[in-house]
Protein backbone atom coordinates (compact mmCIF):
# COMPACT_ATOMS: atom_id res chain seq x y z
CA UNK A 1 -21.44 -167.97 -211.49
CA UNK A 2 -20.07 -171.48 -211.64
CA UNK A 3 -21.91 -174.33 -213.32
CA UNK A 4 -25.02 -174.99 -211.27
CA UNK A 5 -27.94 -177.25 -211.92
CA UNK A 6 -31.34 -175.74 -212.55
CA UNK A 7 -32.47 -176.97 -209.11
CA UNK A 8 -29.48 -175.38 -207.38
CA UNK A 9 -30.03 -172.09 -209.17
CA UNK A 10 -33.75 -172.17 -208.39
CA UNK A 11 -33.01 -172.75 -204.68
CA UNK A 12 -30.60 -169.80 -204.56
CA UNK A 13 -32.96 -167.50 -206.46
CA UNK A 14 -35.89 -168.53 -204.24
CA UNK A 15 -33.85 -167.77 -201.13
CA UNK A 16 -32.92 -164.32 -202.49
CA UNK A 17 -36.54 -163.60 -203.46
CA UNK A 18 -37.61 -164.51 -199.92
CA UNK A 19 -34.99 -162.10 -198.59
CA UNK A 20 -36.28 -159.45 -200.98
CA UNK A 21 -39.80 -159.88 -199.60
CA UNK A 22 -38.54 -159.79 -196.03
CA UNK A 23 -36.58 -156.61 -196.77
CA UNK A 24 -39.71 -154.99 -198.21
CA UNK A 25 -41.52 -155.88 -194.98
CA UNK A 26 -38.69 -154.31 -192.95
CA UNK A 27 -38.90 -151.09 -194.96
CA UNK A 28 -42.68 -150.98 -194.58
CA UNK A 29 -42.42 -151.58 -190.83
CA UNK A 30 -39.84 -148.82 -190.41
CA UNK A 31 -41.91 -146.38 -192.46
CA UNK A 32 -44.98 -147.23 -190.35
CA UNK A 33 -43.06 -146.81 -187.09
CA UNK A 34 -43.21 -150.51 -186.34
CA UNK A 35 -41.98 -152.20 -183.20
CA UNK A 36 -38.20 -152.06 -182.97
CA UNK A 37 -37.87 -155.71 -181.89
CA UNK A 38 -39.97 -156.92 -184.79
CA UNK A 39 -37.96 -154.82 -187.25
CA UNK A 40 -34.64 -156.13 -185.94
CA UNK A 41 -35.92 -159.72 -185.99
CA UNK A 42 -37.07 -159.35 -189.58
CA UNK A 43 -33.80 -157.64 -190.55
CA UNK A 44 -31.90 -160.54 -189.01
CA UNK A 45 -33.93 -162.95 -191.16
CA UNK A 46 -33.06 -160.93 -194.28
CA UNK A 47 -29.38 -161.00 -193.40
CA UNK A 48 -29.47 -164.74 -192.76
CA UNK A 49 -31.19 -165.48 -196.06
CA UNK A 50 -28.67 -163.43 -198.01
CA UNK A 51 -25.76 -165.06 -196.17
CA UNK A 52 -27.11 -168.54 -196.90
CA UNK A 53 -27.45 -167.72 -200.59
CA UNK A 54 -23.88 -166.41 -200.63
CA UNK A 55 -22.60 -169.52 -198.86
CA UNK A 56 -24.43 -171.73 -201.36
CA UNK A 57 -22.84 -169.90 -204.30
CA UNK A 58 -19.35 -170.08 -202.79
CA UNK A 59 -19.78 -173.72 -201.76
CA UNK A 60 -20.70 -174.64 -205.33
CA UNK A 61 -17.66 -172.79 -206.65
CA UNK A 62 -15.45 -174.61 -204.13
CA UNK A 63 -16.99 -177.94 -205.11
CA UNK A 64 -16.28 -177.24 -208.78
CA UNK A 65 -12.75 -176.13 -207.97
CA UNK A 66 -12.02 -179.35 -206.07
CA UNK A 67 -13.68 -181.56 -208.69
CA UNK A 68 -11.87 -179.95 -211.62
CA UNK A 69 -8.50 -179.36 -209.97
CA UNK A 70 -6.05 -177.58 -212.23
CA UNK A 71 -8.16 -178.34 -215.31
CA UNK A 72 -10.72 -175.68 -214.48
CA UNK A 73 -11.30 -172.49 -216.44
CA UNK A 74 -8.41 -170.05 -216.03
CA UNK A 75 -10.96 -167.35 -215.12
CA UNK A 76 -12.36 -169.50 -212.31
CA UNK A 77 -11.61 -168.24 -208.80
CA UNK A 78 -8.66 -169.74 -206.97
CA UNK A 79 -9.08 -171.51 -203.64
CA UNK A 80 -7.57 -168.45 -201.94
CA UNK A 81 -10.09 -166.16 -203.64
CA UNK A 82 -12.95 -168.46 -202.65
CA UNK A 83 -11.70 -168.52 -199.07
CA UNK A 84 -11.61 -164.71 -199.01
CA UNK A 85 -15.16 -164.56 -200.39
CA UNK A 86 -16.34 -167.13 -197.87
CA UNK A 87 -14.79 -165.22 -194.98
CA UNK A 88 -16.29 -161.95 -196.20
CA UNK A 89 -19.74 -163.38 -195.48
CA UNK A 90 -19.00 -164.09 -191.85
């Protein structure tokens, strides 16, 4: 992952942990024969949380790419690669 501050990393990890908890609730609801609408609503929340975490990671990489220009690490993703990653989340 690109250079992120401790606060940025903590926010992303917290979002993913929330999604993990929501996914556990979805699994439990399915196993218990829970209401279909509630399961789908919870599953949508999981998907949204994961997407937001992915967008945050890609946005940070794009920010670093723009800030560093051609001076960035040669292993860093190109703008085209970042665009492809970004679009894969939508």
